C-alpha cells in the first residue's frame, strides 16, 4: 500500500474510532474528529502531515517511489 493510501486509511480509521468513542465513552472525543479533519485540511494546502512522517519512518513508500522501482 502506498503512503498516500495509507494516510487516507489512517485518517478514516481515526475518524471512525473517534465517533465510536464519542458515542460510547464521552462527548469530548468529538474534538479528536475535529483535529483529524483540521489536519487533513491543512495538509492539503501545506503538504505537511505528521502521520506521513511516521509512516515513512516505518518504511511505507509513496506512489512515485513504487512506480519508479518498476
N, C-alpha and C. Protein backbone atom coordinates (compact mmCIF):
# COMPACT_ATOMS: atom_id res chain seq x y z
N UNK A 1 0.85 -1.17 0.00
CA UNK A 1 0.00 0.00 0.00
C UNK A 1 0.90 1.23 0.00
N UNK A 2 0.53 2.21 -0.78
CA UNK A 2 1.34 3.43 -0.90
C UNK A 2 1.14 4.35 0.31
N UNK A 3 2.03 5.30 0.45
CA UNK A 3 1.96 6.28 1.53
C UNK A 3 0.66 7.07 1.47
N UNK A 4 0.29 7.50 0.29
CA UNK A 4 -0.92 8.31 0.13
C UNK A 4 -2.17 7.54 0.56
N UNK A 5 -2.27 6.29 0.15
CA UNK A 5 -3.43 5.48 0.53
C UNK A 5 -3.40 5.12 2.01
N UNK A 6 -2.21 4.93 2.54
CA UNK A 6 -2.08 4.64 3.97
C UNK A 6 -2.55 5.82 4.81
N UNK A 7 -2.24 7.02 4.38
CA UNK A 7 -2.69 8.21 5.11
C UNK A 7 -4.20 8.32 5.07
N UNK A 8 -4.80 8.08 3.90
CA UNK A 8 -6.26 8.13 3.82
C UNK A 8 -6.90 7.07 4.70
N UNK A 9 -6.33 5.86 4.71
CA UNK A 9 -6.87 4.78 5.53
C UNK A 9 -6.73 5.12 7.02
N UNK A 10 -5.59 5.67 7.41
CA UNK A 10 -5.37 6.03 8.80
C UNK A 10 -6.33 7.14 9.23
N UNK A 11 -6.52 8.14 8.39
CA UNK A 11 -7.42 9.24 8.73
C UNK A 11 -8.86 8.73 8.87
N UNK A 12 -9.29 7.89 7.95
CA UNK A 12 -10.63 7.31 8.05
C UNK A 12 -10.81 6.47 9.29
N UNK A 13 -9.79 5.69 9.62
CA UNK A 13 -9.83 4.88 10.83
C UNK A 13 -9.93 5.75 12.07
N UNK A 14 -9.16 6.83 12.12
CA UNK A 14 -9.19 7.72 13.28
C UNK A 14 -10.54 8.41 13.43
N UNK A 15 -11.15 8.79 12.32
CA UNK A 15 -12.48 9.41 12.38
C UNK A 15 -13.50 8.41 12.93
N UNK A 16 -13.46 7.18 12.43
CA UNK A 16 -14.41 6.17 12.91
C UNK A 16 -14.19 5.85 14.38
N UNK A 17 -12.93 5.73 14.79
CA UNK A 17 -12.64 5.46 16.21
C UNK A 17 -13.13 6.61 17.09
N UNK A 18 -12.88 7.83 16.64
CA UNK A 18 -13.31 8.97 17.46
C UNK A 18 -14.84 9.05 17.55
N UNK A 19 -15.54 8.69 16.50
CA UNK A 19 -17.00 8.69 16.56
C UNK A 19 -17.52 7.62 17.51
N UNK A 20 -16.90 6.45 17.50
CA UNK A 20 -17.30 5.39 18.43
C UNK A 20 -17.02 5.83 19.87
N UNK A 21 -15.84 6.42 20.10
CA UNK A 21 -15.52 6.90 21.44
C UNK A 21 -16.47 8.00 21.89
N UNK A 22 -16.87 8.86 20.95
CA UNK A 22 -17.82 9.92 21.28
C UNK A 22 -19.17 9.32 21.69
N UNK A 23 -19.60 8.31 20.96
CA UNK A 23 -20.91 7.71 21.23
C UNK A 23 -20.94 6.90 22.52
N UNK A 24 -19.84 6.21 22.84
CA UNK A 24 -19.89 5.26 23.94
C UNK A 24 -19.06 5.64 25.17
N UNK A 25 -18.14 6.61 25.04
CA UNK A 25 -17.29 6.94 26.18
C UNK A 25 -17.59 8.35 26.70
N UNK A 26 -17.32 9.36 25.88
CA UNK A 26 -17.52 10.74 26.33
C UNK A 26 -17.65 11.64 25.12
N UNK A 27 -18.52 12.63 25.21
CA UNK A 27 -18.78 13.52 24.07
C UNK A 27 -17.57 14.37 23.68
N UNK A 28 -16.61 14.56 24.56
CA UNK A 28 -15.43 15.37 24.23
C UNK A 28 -14.48 14.69 23.24
N UNK A 29 -14.70 13.39 22.97
CA UNK A 29 -13.88 12.75 21.94
C UNK A 29 -14.19 13.29 20.55
N UNK A 30 -15.25 14.08 20.43
CA UNK A 30 -15.56 14.73 19.16
C UNK A 30 -14.42 15.65 18.75
N UNK A 31 -13.65 16.16 19.73
CA UNK A 31 -12.50 17.01 19.41
C UNK A 31 -11.44 16.26 18.63
N UNK A 32 -11.34 14.95 18.83
CA UNK A 32 -10.40 14.15 18.03
C UNK A 32 -10.82 14.15 16.57
N UNK A 33 -12.11 14.03 16.33
CA UNK A 33 -12.62 14.10 14.96
C UNK A 33 -12.30 15.45 14.34
N UNK A 34 -12.50 16.52 15.10
CA UNK A 34 -12.19 17.87 14.61
C UNK A 34 -10.70 18.02 14.31
N UNK A 35 -9.86 17.45 15.18
CA UNK A 35 -8.41 17.54 14.96
C UNK A 35 -8.00 16.82 13.69
N UNK A 36 -8.54 15.63 13.47
CA UNK A 36 -8.20 14.86 12.26
C UNK A 36 -8.64 15.63 11.02
N UNK A 37 -9.85 16.18 11.05
CA UNK A 37 -10.34 16.95 9.92
C UNK A 37 -9.50 18.19 9.66
N UNK A 38 -9.14 18.91 10.72
CA UNK A 38 -8.31 20.11 10.56
C UNK A 38 -6.93 19.75 10.01
N UNK A 39 -6.38 18.63 10.47
CA UNK A 39 -5.07 18.20 9.98
C UNK A 39 -5.14 17.84 8.50
N UNK A 40 -6.20 17.16 8.09
CA UNK A 40 -6.37 16.83 6.67
C UNK A 40 -6.49 18.10 5.82
N UNK A 41 -7.24 19.06 6.34
CA UNK A 41 -7.44 20.31 5.62
C UNK A 41 -6.13 21.08 5.46
N UNK A 42 -5.37 21.23 6.54
CA UNK A 42 -4.13 21.99 6.44
C UNK A 42 -3.10 21.24 5.61
N UNK A 43 -3.09 19.91 5.65
CA UNK A 43 -2.10 19.17 4.86
C UNK A 43 -2.39 19.27 3.36
N UNK A 44 -3.64 19.50 3.00
CA UNK A 44 -3.98 19.67 1.59
C UNK A 44 -3.33 20.93 1.03
N UNK A 45 -3.14 21.95 1.87
CA UNK A 45 -2.56 23.21 1.41
C UNK A 45 -1.06 23.30 1.65
N UNK A 46 -0.58 22.69 2.74
CA UNK A 46 0.83 22.85 3.09
C UNK A 46 1.68 21.65 2.69
N UNK A 47 1.07 20.49 2.57
CA UNK A 47 1.83 19.28 2.28
C UNK A 47 2.46 18.66 3.52
N UNK A 48 2.30 19.28 4.68
CA UNK A 48 2.86 18.77 5.93
C UNK A 48 1.85 17.87 6.62
N UNK A 49 2.26 16.63 6.87
CA UNK A 49 1.39 15.68 7.56
C UNK A 49 2.23 14.86 8.52
N UNK A 50 2.00 15.01 9.83
CA UNK A 50 2.77 14.23 10.80
C UNK A 50 2.63 12.72 10.62
N UNK A 51 1.46 12.26 10.23
CA UNK A 51 1.26 10.83 10.00
C UNK A 51 2.13 10.33 8.86
N UNK A 52 2.32 11.15 7.84
CA UNK A 52 3.18 10.76 6.71
C UNK A 52 4.61 10.59 7.17
N UNK A 53 5.07 11.46 8.05
CA UNK A 53 6.43 11.35 8.56
C UNK A 53 6.62 10.04 9.33
N UNK A 54 5.64 9.69 10.13
CA UNK A 54 5.72 8.45 10.91
C UNK A 54 5.68 7.25 9.98
N UNK A 55 4.77 7.24 9.02
CA UNK A 55 4.66 6.12 8.09
C UNK A 55 5.91 5.96 7.23
N UNK A 56 6.53 7.06 6.83
CA UNK A 56 7.80 6.99 6.09
C UNK A 56 8.88 6.31 6.91
N UNK A 57 8.95 6.65 8.19
CA UNK A 57 9.95 6.03 9.07
C UNK A 57 9.67 4.54 9.26
N UNK A 58 8.42 4.15 9.10
CA UNK A 58 8.06 2.74 9.18
C UNK A 58 8.29 2.00 7.86
N UNK A 59 8.74 2.73 6.84
CA UNK A 59 9.09 2.09 5.58
C UNK A 59 8.04 2.12 4.49
N UNK A 60 6.97 2.86 4.68
CA UNK A 60 5.93 2.95 3.65
C UNK A 60 6.42 3.90 2.56
N UNK A 61 6.33 3.45 1.31
CA UNK A 61 6.82 4.25 0.18
C UNK A 61 5.68 4.96 -0.53
N UNK A 62 5.98 6.09 -1.15
CA UNK A 62 4.97 6.86 -1.88
C UNK A 62 4.68 6.17 -3.22
N UNK A 63 3.60 6.62 -3.86
CA UNK A 63 3.24 6.06 -5.16
C UNK A 63 4.34 6.31 -6.19
N UNK A 64 4.98 7.48 -6.12
CA UNK A 64 6.06 7.81 -7.05
C UNK A 64 7.26 6.87 -6.85
N UNK A 65 7.58 6.58 -5.60
CA UNK A 65 8.70 5.67 -5.33
C UNK A 65 8.39 4.25 -5.80
N UNK A 66 7.15 3.83 -5.63
CA UNK A 66 6.75 2.50 -6.08
C UNK A 66 6.80 2.41 -7.60
N UNK A 67 6.31 3.47 -8.28
CA UNK A 67 6.31 3.48 -9.74
C UNK A 67 7.74 3.51 -10.30
N UNK A 68 8.61 4.25 -9.62
CA UNK A 68 9.99 4.37 -10.09
C UNK A 68 10.71 3.02 -10.00
N UNK A 69 10.38 2.25 -8.97
CA UNK A 69 11.02 0.96 -8.79
C UNK A 69 10.62 -0.01 -9.89
N UNK A 70 9.41 0.16 -10.39
CA UNK A 70 9.01 -0.64 -11.51
C UNK A 70 8.12 -1.74 -11.16
